[in-house]
Amino acid sequence: MNDEQLLRYSRHILLDEIGIEGQERLLAASVLVIGAGGLGSPAAMYLASAGVGRIVLVDDDDVDLTNLQRQVMHTTTRVGQPKVDSGSAALRQINPEIEVVALRERAQGARLQELVASASVVLDCSDNFETRHAVNRACVAARVPLVSGAAIRFDGQLAVFDPRTPASPCYNCLFPLDQGYQDAACSTMGVFAPLVGVIGAMQAAEALKLIMQIGQALTGRLLLLDGRAMEWTSIGVARNPVCPVCSTPGDITT
């Protein structure tokens, strides 16, 4: 690190658990953020400010006026722009030293596997079960840790799935695809604005911990937040020994 970086990241470096070695791990890392909306905004902004060297934003949507109530990476002047372009501009303003890759696409199949395989950590900030399951399968196949978040109305949830850890469940262990869970859209059900900030920031925190190899990851637990009562519930999640995704990694397809 140069003198300017030592100053920029000095409050991290002062932490015994991080120090120069931990900060250098962040600078060398690449984080894939799926979704540049309510969750992806705070998550990506904290990753950028913390000094993650490469952030890949993937989203195929444009900034809409209705997004601005909660998607803090975007501004009124950027309504109509692709979210990844708006997000890229915001992240570069926060930290011009990092590399931001803006991909306006809905990554699937081999393309998704390629993006996941090149990442240190993946953040699922999407808003639908189809994408979450596709990202989960790609992470299991590539053995890349996944930080999953969700928020709707006043309810939020957060979990970490780390296929490098034999006992870790995957997203499908928790929410099996064959159970037919229904997507809940913010456009019809609403979402409390600060809630996505809380969950997205915590996704960034878990990703940073994984990269720097500090603390205890959320692996094997599901955190649920009731935003009305501001109460957290932690639920243990075990790996399903017959999960069709993580119990047979050699047969995984996306």
C-alpha atoms as a PDB file:
ATOM      1  CA  MET A   1       0.000   0.000   0.000  1.00  0.00           C
ATOM      2  CA  ASN A   2       1.109   3.559  -0.672  1.00  0.00           C
ATOM      3  CA  ASP A   3       0.970   6.432   1.836  1.00  0.00           C
ATOM      4  CA  GLU A   4      -2.441   7.641   0.634  1.00  0.00           C
ATOM      5  CA  GLN A   5      -3.936   4.162   1.039  1.00  0.00           C
ATOM      6  CA  LEU A   6      -2.423   3.830   4.504  1.00  0.00           C
ATOM      7  CA  LEU A   7      -4.205   7.054   5.425  1.00  0.00           C
ATOM      8  CA  ARG A   8      -7.502   6.206   3.689  1.00  0.00           C
ATOM      9  CA  TYR A   9      -7.775   2.829   5.409  1.00  0.00           C
ATOM     10  CA  SER A  10      -6.093   3.811   8.674  1.00  0.00           C
ATOM     11  CA  ARG A  11      -9.181   3.141  10.813  1.00  0.00           C
ATOM     12  CA  HIS A  12      -9.243  -0.430   9.530  1.00  0.00           C
ATOM     13  CA  ILE A  13      -5.511  -0.863   9.938  1.00  0.00           C
ATOM     14  CA  LEU A  14      -5.761   0.249  13.570  1.00  0.00           C
ATOM     15  CA  LEU A  15      -7.939  -2.784  14.325  1.00  0.00           C
ATOM     16  CA  ASP A  16      -5.785  -5.661  15.547  1.00  0.00           C
ATOM     17  CA  GLU A  17      -7.958  -8.177  13.708  1.00  0.00           C
ATOM     18  CA  ILE A  18      -7.396  -6.401  10.381  1.00  0.00           C
ATOM     19  CA  GLY A  19      -4.108  -4.522  10.256  1.00  0.00           C
ATOM     20  CA  ILE A  20      -2.174  -4.043   7.016  1.00  0.00           C
ATOM     21  CA  GLU A  21      -2.468  -7.730   6.088  1.00  0.00           C
ATOM     22  CA  GLY A  22      -6.254  -7.702   6.254  1.00  0.00           C
ATOM     23  CA  GLN A  23      -6.516  -4.485   4.284  1.00  0.00           C
ATOM     24  CA  GLU A  24      -4.247  -5.883   1.596  1.00  0.00           C
ATOM     25  CA  ARG A  25      -6.554  -8.884   1.314  1.00  0.00           C
ATOM     26  CA  LEU A  26      -9.426  -6.504   0.615  1.00  0.00           C
ATOM     27  CA  LEU A  27      -7.441  -4.636  -2.010  1.00  0.00           C
ATOM     28  CA  ALA A  28      -6.671  -7.931  -3.765  1.00  0.00           C
ATOM     29  CA  ALA A  29     -10.255  -9.239  -3.599  1.00  0.00           C
ATOM     30  CA  SER A  30     -13.007  -9.313  -6.191  1.00  0.00           C
ATOM     31  CA  VAL A  31     -16.630  -9.245  -5.071  1.00  0.00           C
ATOM     32  CA  LEU A  32     -19.578 -10.062  -7.331  1.00  0.00           C
ATOM     33  CA  VAL A  33     -22.752  -8.156  -6.424  1.00  0.00           C
ATOM     34  CA  ILE A  34     -25.906  -9.534  -8.050  1.00  0.00           C
ATOM     35  CA  GLY A  35     -28.448  -6.715  -8.016  1.00  0.00           C
ATOM     36  CA  ALA A  36     -27.813  -2.965  -7.811  1.00  0.00           C
ATOM     37  CA  GLY A  37     -31.034  -2.037  -6.021  1.00  0.00           C
ATOM     38  CA  GLY A  38     -32.104  -1.726  -2.401  1.00  0.00           C
ATOM     39  CA  LEU A  39     -29.696  -4.289  -0.970  1.00  0.00           C
ATOM     40  CA  GLY A  40     -26.960  -3.920  -3.546  1.00  0.00           C
ATOM     41  CA  SER A  41     -26.719  -0.157  -2.998  1.00  0.00           C
ATOM     42  CA  PRO A  42     -25.538  -0.101   0.647  1.00  0.00           C
ATOM     43  CA  ALA A  43     -23.633  -3.351   0.238  1.00  0.00           C
ATOM     44  CA  ALA A  44     -21.602  -2.125  -2.729  1.00  0.00           C
ATOM     45  CA  MET A  45     -21.030   1.309  -1.203  1.00  0.00           C
ATOM     46  CA  TYR A  46     -19.537  -0.178   1.963  1.00  0.00           C
ATOM     47  CA  LEU A  47     -17.434  -2.594  -0.054  1.00  0.00           C
ATOM     48  CA  ALA A  48     -16.073   0.338  -2.053  1.00  0.00           C
ATOM     49  CA  SER A  49     -15.379   2.511   0.977  1.00  0.00           C
ATOM     50  CA  ALA A  50     -13.681  -0.411   2.744  1.00  0.00           C
ATOM     51  CA  GLY A  51     -11.270  -0.850  -0.159  1.00  0.00           C
ATOM     52  CA  VAL A  52     -12.351  -3.994  -1.981  1.00  0.00           C
ATOM     53  CA  GLY A  53     -10.139  -3.856  -5.045  1.00  0.00           C
ATOM     54  CA  ARG A  54     -12.644  -5.038  -7.650  1.00  0.00           C
ATOM     55  CA  ILE A  55     -16.443  -4.858  -7.492  1.00  0.00           C
ATOM     56  CA  VAL A  56     -18.539  -6.400 -10.253  1.00  0.00           C
ATOM     57  CA  LEU A  57     -22.110  -5.053 -10.410  1.00  0.00           C
ATOM     58  CA  VAL A  58     -24.663  -7.135 -12.316  1.00  0.00           C
ATOM     59  CA  ASP A  59     -28.167  -5.811 -13.001  1.00  0.00           C
ATOM     60  CA  ASP A  60     -30.281  -5.438 -16.145  1.00  0.00           C
ATOM     61  CA  ASP A  61     -32.672  -2.762 -14.843  1.00  0.00           C
ATOM     62  CA  ASP A  62     -32.789   1.030 -15.150  1.00  0.00           C
ATOM     63  CA  VAL A  63     -33.117   3.579 -12.347  1.00  0.00           C
ATOM     64  CA  ASP A  64     -36.774   4.476 -11.749  1.00  0.00           C
ATOM     65  CA  LEU A  65     -38.190   7.278  -9.638  1.00  0.00           C
ATOM     66  CA  THR A  66     -39.821   4.710  -7.351  1.00  0.00           C
ATOM     67  CA  ASN A  67     -36.382   3.245  -6.566  1.00  0.00           C
ATOM     68  CA  LEU A  68     -35.068   6.396  -4.917  1.00  0.00           C
ATOM     69  CA  GLN A  69     -36.968   5.879  -1.650  1.00  0.00           C
ATOM     70  CA  ARG A  70     -34.500   3.144  -0.689  1.00  0.00           C
ATOM     71  CA  GLN A  71     -31.847   2.545  -3.382  1.00  0.00           C
ATOM     72  CA  VAL A  72     -29.317   5.041  -2.043  1.00  0.00           C
ATOM     73  CA  MET A  73     -26.661   4.410  -4.698  1.00  0.00           C
ATOM     74  CA  HIS A  74     -28.849   6.225  -7.260  1.00  0.00           C
ATOM     75  CA  THR A  75     -29.930   9.858  -7.587  1.00  0.00           C
ATOM     76  CA  THR A  76     -32.742  11.850  -9.163  1.00  0.00           C
ATOM     77  CA  THR A  77     -30.463  13.045 -11.957  1.00  0.00           C
ATOM     78  CA  ARG A  78     -29.684   9.447 -12.922  1.00  0.00           C
ATOM     79  CA  VAL A  79     -33.305   8.305 -13.339  1.00  0.00           C
ATOM     80  CA  GLY A  80     -33.518   6.388 -16.613  1.00  0.00           C
ATOM     81  CA  GLN A  81     -29.877   5.310 -16.582  1.00  0.00           C
ATOM     82  CA  PRO A  82     -28.892   1.652 -16.220  1.00  0.00           C
ATOM     83  CA  LYS A  83     -28.530   0.866 -12.533  1.00  0.00           C
ATOM     84  CA  VAL A  84     -25.055  -0.561 -13.025  1.00  0.00           C
ATOM     85  CA  ASP A  85     -23.875   2.674 -14.681  1.00  0.00           C
ATOM     86  CA  SER A  86     -25.420   4.797 -11.957  1.00  0.00           C
ATOM     87  CA  GLY A  87     -23.966   2.509  -9.309  1.00  0.00           C
ATOM     88  CA  SER A  88     -20.546   2.526 -10.926  1.00  0.00           C
ATOM     89  CA  ALA A  89     -20.506   6.343 -10.874  1.00  0.00           C
ATOM     90  CA  ALA A  90     -21.462   6.375  -7.198  1.00  0.00           C
ATOM     91  CA  LEU A  91     -18.792   3.833  -6.208  1.00  0.00           C
ATOM     92  CA  ARG A  92     -16.064   5.656  -8.110  1.00  0.00           C
ATOM     93  CA  GLN A  93     -16.998   8.871  -6.332  1.00  0.00           C
ATOM     94  CA  ILE A  94     -16.618   7.083  -3.003  1.00  0.00           C
ATOM     95  CA  ASN A  95     -13.315   5.439  -3.913  1.00  0.00           C
ATOM     96  CA  PRO A  96     -11.676   6.271  -7.258  1.00  0.00           C
ATOM     97  CA  GLU A  97      -8.846   3.797  -6.629  1.00  0.00           C
ATOM     98  CA  ILE A  98     -10.949   0.648  -6.958  1.00  0.00           C
ATOM     99  CA  GLU A  99     -12.022  -1.131 -10.153  1.00  0.00           C
ATOM    100  CA  VAL A 100     -15.754  -1.219 -10.799  1.00  0.00           C
ATOM    101  CA  VAL A 101     -17.115  -3.467 -13.546  1.00  0.00           C
ATOM    102  CA  ALA A 102     -20.669  -2.597 -14.605  1.00  0.00           C
ATOM    103  CA  LEU A 103     -22.528  -5.425 -16.355  1.00  0.00           C
ATOM    104  CA  ARG A 104     -26.002  -4.577 -17.620  1.00  0.00           C
ATOM    105  CA  GLU A 105     -27.262  -8.106 -18.011  1.00  0.00           C
ATOM    106  CA  ARG A 106     -29.146 -10.933 -16.359  1.00  0.00           C
ATOM    107  CA  ALA A 107     -26.306 -13.410 -15.969  1.00  0.00           C
ATOM    108  CA  GLN A 108     -27.360 -17.035 -16.398  1.00  0.00           C
ATOM    109  CA  GLY A 109     -25.906 -20.435 -17.191  1.00  0.00           C
ATOM    110  CA  ALA A 110     -22.258 -20.551 -18.220  1.00  0.00           C
ATOM    111  CA  ARG A 111     -21.990 -16.753 -18.002  1.00  0.00           C
ATOM    112  CA  LEU A 112     -23.069 -16.772 -14.362  1.00  0.00           C
ATOM    113  CA  GLN A 113     -20.680 -19.614 -13.571  1.00  0.00           C
ATOM    114  CA  GLU A 114     -17.841 -17.647 -15.172  1.00  0.00           C
ATOM    115  CA  LEU A 115     -18.565 -14.544 -13.077  1.00  0.00           C
ATOM    116  CA  VAL A 116     -18.924 -16.502  -9.841  1.00  0.00           C
ATOM    117  CA  ALA A 117     -15.745 -18.509 -10.404  1.00  0.00           C
ATOM    118  CA  SER A 118     -13.692 -15.306 -10.663  1.00  0.00           C
ATOM    119  CA  ALA A 119     -15.054 -13.836  -7.413  1.00  0.00           C
ATOM    120  CA  SER A 120     -13.679 -14.012  -3.887  1.00  0.00           C
ATOM    121  CA  VAL A 121     -17.209 -13.686  -2.469  1.00  0.00           C
ATOM    122  CA  VAL A 122     -20.664 -13.349  -4.046  1.00  0.00           C
ATOM    123  CA  LEU A 123     -23.408 -11.117  -2.655  1.00  0.00           C
ATOM    124  CA  ASP A 124     -26.926 -12.077  -3.694  1.00  0.00           C
ATOM    125  CA  CYS A 125     -28.870  -8.823  -3.590  1.00  0.00           C
ATOM    126  CA  SER A 126     -31.505  -9.978  -6.077  1.00  0.00           C
ATOM    127  CA  ASP A 127     -35.266  -9.942  -5.578  1.00  0.00           C
ATOM    128  CA  ASN A 128     -36.485 -13.297  -6.907  1.00  0.00           C
ATOM    129  CA  PHE A 129     -36.110 -16.989  -6.080  1.00  0.00           C
ATOM    130  CA  GLU A 130     -35.100 -18.023  -9.594  1.00  0.00           C
ATOM    131  CA  THR A 131     -32.000 -15.824  -9.487  1.00  0.00           C
ATOM    132  CA  ARG A 132     -31.173 -16.781  -5.912  1.00  0.00           C
ATOM    133  CA  HIS A 133     -31.226 -20.479  -6.746  1.00  0.00           C
ATOM    134  CA  ALA A 134     -29.159 -19.975  -9.906  1.00  0.00           C
ATOM    135  CA  VAL A 135     -26.553 -17.977  -7.965  1.00  0.00           C
ATOM    136  CA  ASN A 136     -26.525 -20.613  -5.222  1.00  0.00           C
ATOM    137  CA  ARG A 137     -25.897 -23.428  -7.714  1.00  0.00           C
ATOM    138  CA  ALA A 138     -23.064 -21.494  -9.324  1.00  0.00           C
ATOM    139  CA  CYS A 139     -21.469 -20.764  -5.932  1.00  0.00           C
ATOM    140  CA  VAL A 140     -21.650 -24.421  -4.881  1.00  0.00           C
ATOM    141  CA  ALA A 141     -20.117 -25.508  -8.190  1.00  0.00           C
ATOM    142  CA  ALA A 142     -17.264 -22.992  -7.914  1.00  0.00           C
ATOM    143  CA  ARG A 143     -16.866 -23.362  -4.118  1.00  0.00           C
ATOM    144  CA  VAL A 144     -17.249 -19.606  -3.617  1.00  0.00           C
ATOM    145  CA  PRO A 145     -18.915 -18.259  -0.446  1.00  0.00           C
ATOM    146  CA  LEU A 146     -22.336 -16.663  -0.865  1.00  0.00           C
ATOM    147  CA  VAL A 147     -23.818 -13.891   1.288  1.00  0.00           C
ATOM    148  CA  SER A 148     -27.581 -13.852   0.818  1.00  0.00           C
ATOM    149  CA  GLY A 149     -29.942 -11.068   1.865  1.00  0.00           C
ATOM    150  CA  ALA A 150     -33.633 -10.302   1.421  1.00  0.00           C
ATOM    151  CA  ALA A 151     -36.072  -7.631   2.578  1.00  0.00           C
ATOM    152  CA  ILE A 152     -39.792  -6.996   2.115  1.00  0.00           C
ATOM    153  CA  ARG A 153     -42.248  -4.838   4.051  1.00  0.00           C
ATOM    154  CA  PHE A 154     -40.672  -4.635   7.550  1.00  0.00           C
ATOM    155  CA  ASP A 155     -38.981  -8.044   7.454  1.00  0.00           C
ATOM    156  CA  GLY A 156     -35.372  -8.790   6.573  1.00  0.00           C
ATOM    157  CA  GLN A 157     -33.166 -11.869   6.484  1.00  0.00           C
ATOM    158  CA  LEU A 158     -29.477 -12.618   6.147  1.00  0.00           C
ATOM    159  CA  ALA A 159     -27.457 -15.830   5.744  1.00  0.00           C
ATOM    160  CA  VAL A 160     -24.024 -17.003   4.629  1.00  0.00           C
ATOM    161  CA  PHE A 161     -23.482 -20.197   2.662  1.00  0.00           C
ATOM    162  CA  ASP A 162     -19.875 -21.335   2.339  1.00  0.00           C
ATOM    163  CA  PRO A 163     -19.340 -24.429   0.154  1.00  0.00           C
ATOM    164  CA  ARG A 164     -15.697 -24.535   1.264  1.00  0.00           C
ATOM    165  CA  THR A 165     -16.963 -25.683   4.673  1.00  0.00           C
ATOM    166  CA  PRO A 166     -18.181 -29.320   4.641  1.00  0.00           C
ATOM    167  CA  ALA A 167     -20.938 -28.719   7.217  1.00  0.00           C
ATOM    168  CA  SER A 168     -22.288 -25.565   5.563  1.00  0.00           C
ATOM    169  CA  PRO A 169     -25.789 -25.731   4.086  1.00  0.00           C
ATOM    170  CA  CYS A 170     -26.572 -24.064   0.775  1.00  0.00           C
ATOM    171  CA  TYR A 171     -29.485 -21.811  -0.105  1.00  0.00           C
ATOM    172  CA  ASN A 172     -31.429 -24.785  -1.452  1.00  0.00           C
ATOM    173  CA  CYS A 173     -31.076 -26.589   1.886  1.00  0.00           C
ATOM    174  CA  LEU A 174     -32.921 -23.672   3.496  1.00  0.00           C
ATOM    175  CA  PHE A 175     -35.401 -22.873   0.731  1.00  0.00           C
ATOM    176  CA  PRO A 176     -35.761 -25.972  -1.489  1.00  0.00           C
ATOM    177  CA  LEU A 177     -36.621 -25.109  -5.060  1.00  0.00           C
ATOM    178  CA  ASP A 178     -39.306 -27.802  -5.180  1.00  0.00           C
ATOM    179  CA  GLN A 179     -41.240 -26.185  -2.312  1.00  0.00           C
ATOM    180  CA  GLY A 180     -42.663 -23.574  -4.672  1.00  0.00           C
ATOM    181  CA  TYR A 181     -41.947 -20.411  -2.646  1.00  0.00           C
ATOM    182  CA  GLN A 182     -43.664 -17.331  -4.043  1.00  0.00           C
ATOM    183  CA  ASP A 183     -41.760 -14.138  -4.890  1.00  0.00           C
ATOM    184  CA  ALA A 184     -42.923 -11.023  -3.039  1.00  0.00           C
ATOM    185  CA  ALA A 185     -42.358  -7.806  -4.988  1.00  0.00           C
ATOM    186  CA  CYS A 186     -41.681  -4.411  -3.417  1.00  0.00           C
ATOM    187  CA  SER A 187     -43.874  -2.872  -6.132  1.00  0.00           C
ATOM    188  CA  THR A 188     -46.948  -4.588  -4.715  1.00  0.00           C
ATOM    189  CA  MET A 189     -46.089  -5.148  -1.031  1.00  0.00           C
ATOM    190  CA  GLY A 190     -43.813  -2.215  -0.208  1.00  0.00           C
ATOM    191  CA  VAL A 191     -40.608  -2.108   1.805  1.00  0.00           C
ATOM    192  CA  PHE A 192     -39.450   0.026   4.735  1.00  0.00           C
ATOM    193  CA  ALA A 193     -36.584   2.127   3.357  1.00  0.00           C
ATOM    194  CA  PRO A 194     -33.981   1.752   6.165  1.00  0.00           C
ATOM    195  CA  LEU A 195     -34.532  -2.014   6.271  1.00  0.00           C
ATOM    196  CA  VAL A 196     -32.642  -2.627   3.024  1.00  0.00           C
ATOM    197  CA  GLY A 197     -29.852  -0.418   4.350  1.00  0.00           C
ATOM    198  CA  VAL A 198     -29.509  -2.544   7.477  1.00  0.00           C
ATOM    199  CA  ILE A 199     -29.495  -5.857   5.612  1.00  0.00           C
ATOM    200  CA  GLY A 200     -27.284  -4.619   2.767  1.00  0.00           C
ATOM    201  CA  ALA A 201     -24.717  -3.192   5.181  1.00  0.00           C
ATOM    202  CA  MET A 202     -24.643  -6.487   7.042  1.00  0.00           C
ATOM    203  CA  GLN A 203     -24.098  -8.346   3.773  1.00  0.00           C
ATOM    204  CA  ALA A 204     -21.060  -6.144   3.190  1.00  0.00           C
ATOM    205  CA  ALA A 205     -19.839  -6.818   6.736  1.00  0.00           C
ATOM    206  CA  GLU A 206     -20.067 -10.588   6.273  1.00  0.00           C
ATOM    207  CA  ALA A 207     -18.280 -10.369   2.914  1.00  0.00           C
ATOM    208  CA  LEU A 208     -15.448  -8.304   4.396  1.00  0.00           C
ATOM    209  CA  LYS A 209     -15.065 -10.776   7.273  1.00  0.00           C
ATOM    210  CA  LEU A 210     -14.873 -13.687   4.848  1.00  0.00           C
ATOM    211  CA  ILE A 211     -12.252 -11.963   2.705  1.00  0.00           C
ATOM    212  CA  MET A 212     -10.101 -10.910   5.659  1.00  0.00           C
ATOM    213  CA  GLN A 213     -10.683 -14.215   7.478  1.00  0.00           C
ATOM    214  CA  ILE A 214     -11.685 -12.537  10.726  1.00  0.00           C
ATOM    215  CA  GLY A 215     -14.424 -13.150  13.263  1.00  0.00           C
ATOM    216  CA  GLN A 216     -17.091 -15.802  12.924  1.00  0.00           C
ATOM    217  CA  ALA A 217     -19.073 -15.969   9.700  1.00  0.00           C
ATOM    218  CA  LEU A 218     -22.831 -16.357   9.730  1.00  0.00           C
ATOM    219  CA  THR A 219     -22.512 -19.787   8.118  1.00  0.00           C
ATOM    220  CA  GLY A 220     -25.135 -22.218   9.396  1.00  0.00           C
ATOM    221  CA  ARG A 221     -27.422 -19.518  10.767  1.00  0.00           C
ATOM    222  CA  LEU A 222     -30.321 -17.487   9.389  1.00  0.00           C
ATOM    223  CA  LEU A 223     -30.829 -14.038  10.881  1.00  0.00           C
ATOM    224  CA  LEU A 224     -34.363 -12.647  10.749  1.00  0.00           C
ATOM    225  CA  LEU A 225     -35.127  -8.999  11.492  1.00  0.00           C
ATOM    226  CA  ASP A 226     -38.552  -7.719  12.516  1.00  0.00           C
ATOM    227  CA  GLY A 227     -38.178  -4.040  11.679  1.00  0.00           C
ATOM    228  CA  ARG A 228     -41.342  -3.029  13.516  1.00  0.00           C
ATOM    229  CA  ALA A 229     -40.157  -4.337  16.877  1.00  0.00           C
ATOM    230  CA  MET A 230     -36.474  -4.091  15.902  1.00  0.00           C
ATOM    231  CA  GLU A 231     -35.929  -7.641  17.112  1.00  0.00           C
ATOM    232  CA  TRP A 232     -33.472 -10.164  15.706  1.00  0.00           C
ATOM    233  CA  THR A 233     -34.039 -13.912  15.623  1.00  0.00           C
ATOM    234  CA  SER A 234     -31.213 -16.355  14.888  1.00  0.00           C
ATOM    235  CA  ILE A 235     -32.125 -19.797  13.553  1.00  0.00           C
ATOM    236  CA  GLY A 236     -29.668 -22.643  13.071  1.00  0.00           C
ATOM    237  CA  VAL A 237     -29.651 -24.113   9.563  1.00  0.00           C
ATOM    238  CA  ALA A 238     -28.243 -27.594   8.959  1.00  0.00           C
ATOM    239  CA  ARG A 239     -27.004 -29.007   5.692  1.00  0.00           C
ATOM    240  CA  ASN A 240     -29.445 -31.346   3.989  1.00  0.00           C
ATOM    241  CA  PRO A 241     -27.506 -34.591   3.333  1.00  0.00           C
ATOM    242  CA  VAL A 242     -29.701 -35.323   0.303  1.00  0.00           C
ATOM    243  CA  CYS A 243     -29.826 -31.773  -1.077  1.00  0.00           C
ATOM    244  CA  PRO A 244     -29.839 -32.050  -4.886  1.00  0.00           C
ATOM    245  CA  VAL A 245     -27.485 -29.059  -5.115  1.00  0.00           C
ATOM    246  CA  CYS A 246     -24.768 -29.271  -2.472  1.00  0.00           C
ATOM    247  CA  SER A 247     -24.729 -33.030  -1.789  1.00  0.00           C
ATOM    248  CA  THR A 248     -23.840 -33.839  -5.427  1.00  0.00           C
ATOM    249  CA  PRO A 249     -21.584 -30.994  -6.627  1.00  0.00           C
ATOM    250  CA  GLY A 250     -20.396 -33.007  -9.606  1.00  0.00           C
ATOM    251  CA  ASP A 251     -23.890 -33.093 -11.062  1.00  0.00           C
ATOM    252  CA  ILE A 252     -24.734 -29.418 -10.671  1.00  0.00           C
ATOM    253  CA  THR A 253     -26.094 -27.544 -13.676  1.00  0.00           C
ATOM    254  CA  THR A 254     -27.375 -24.017 -14.036  1.00  0.00           C
END
